[in-house]
């Protein structure tokens, strides 16, 4: 449960940083570095979230799935007589 909360908090931080970057871009009209700082923070948070997700998947804490994981070829049993194996 704590992992889900951490992911949501990081994602909310990314969105807030993006919104503040837009606000500073419009308000300052490019005269200050606040836009660059806000968007740099967004990039850092996005990279951190990506690395966290990859680490959690690698450790087996979370399991990725698609929209239809039962129909995905990776979830099907390995068949020796498959037409794709020729």
Foldseek 3Di string as FASTA:
>chain_A
DVVVVVLVVLVVLLVVLVVVLVVCCVVVVPPDCSNVVSVVVNVVSVVVSVVVVVVCCVVVVDPDADPDRCPDPVNDDDDPPDPVVD
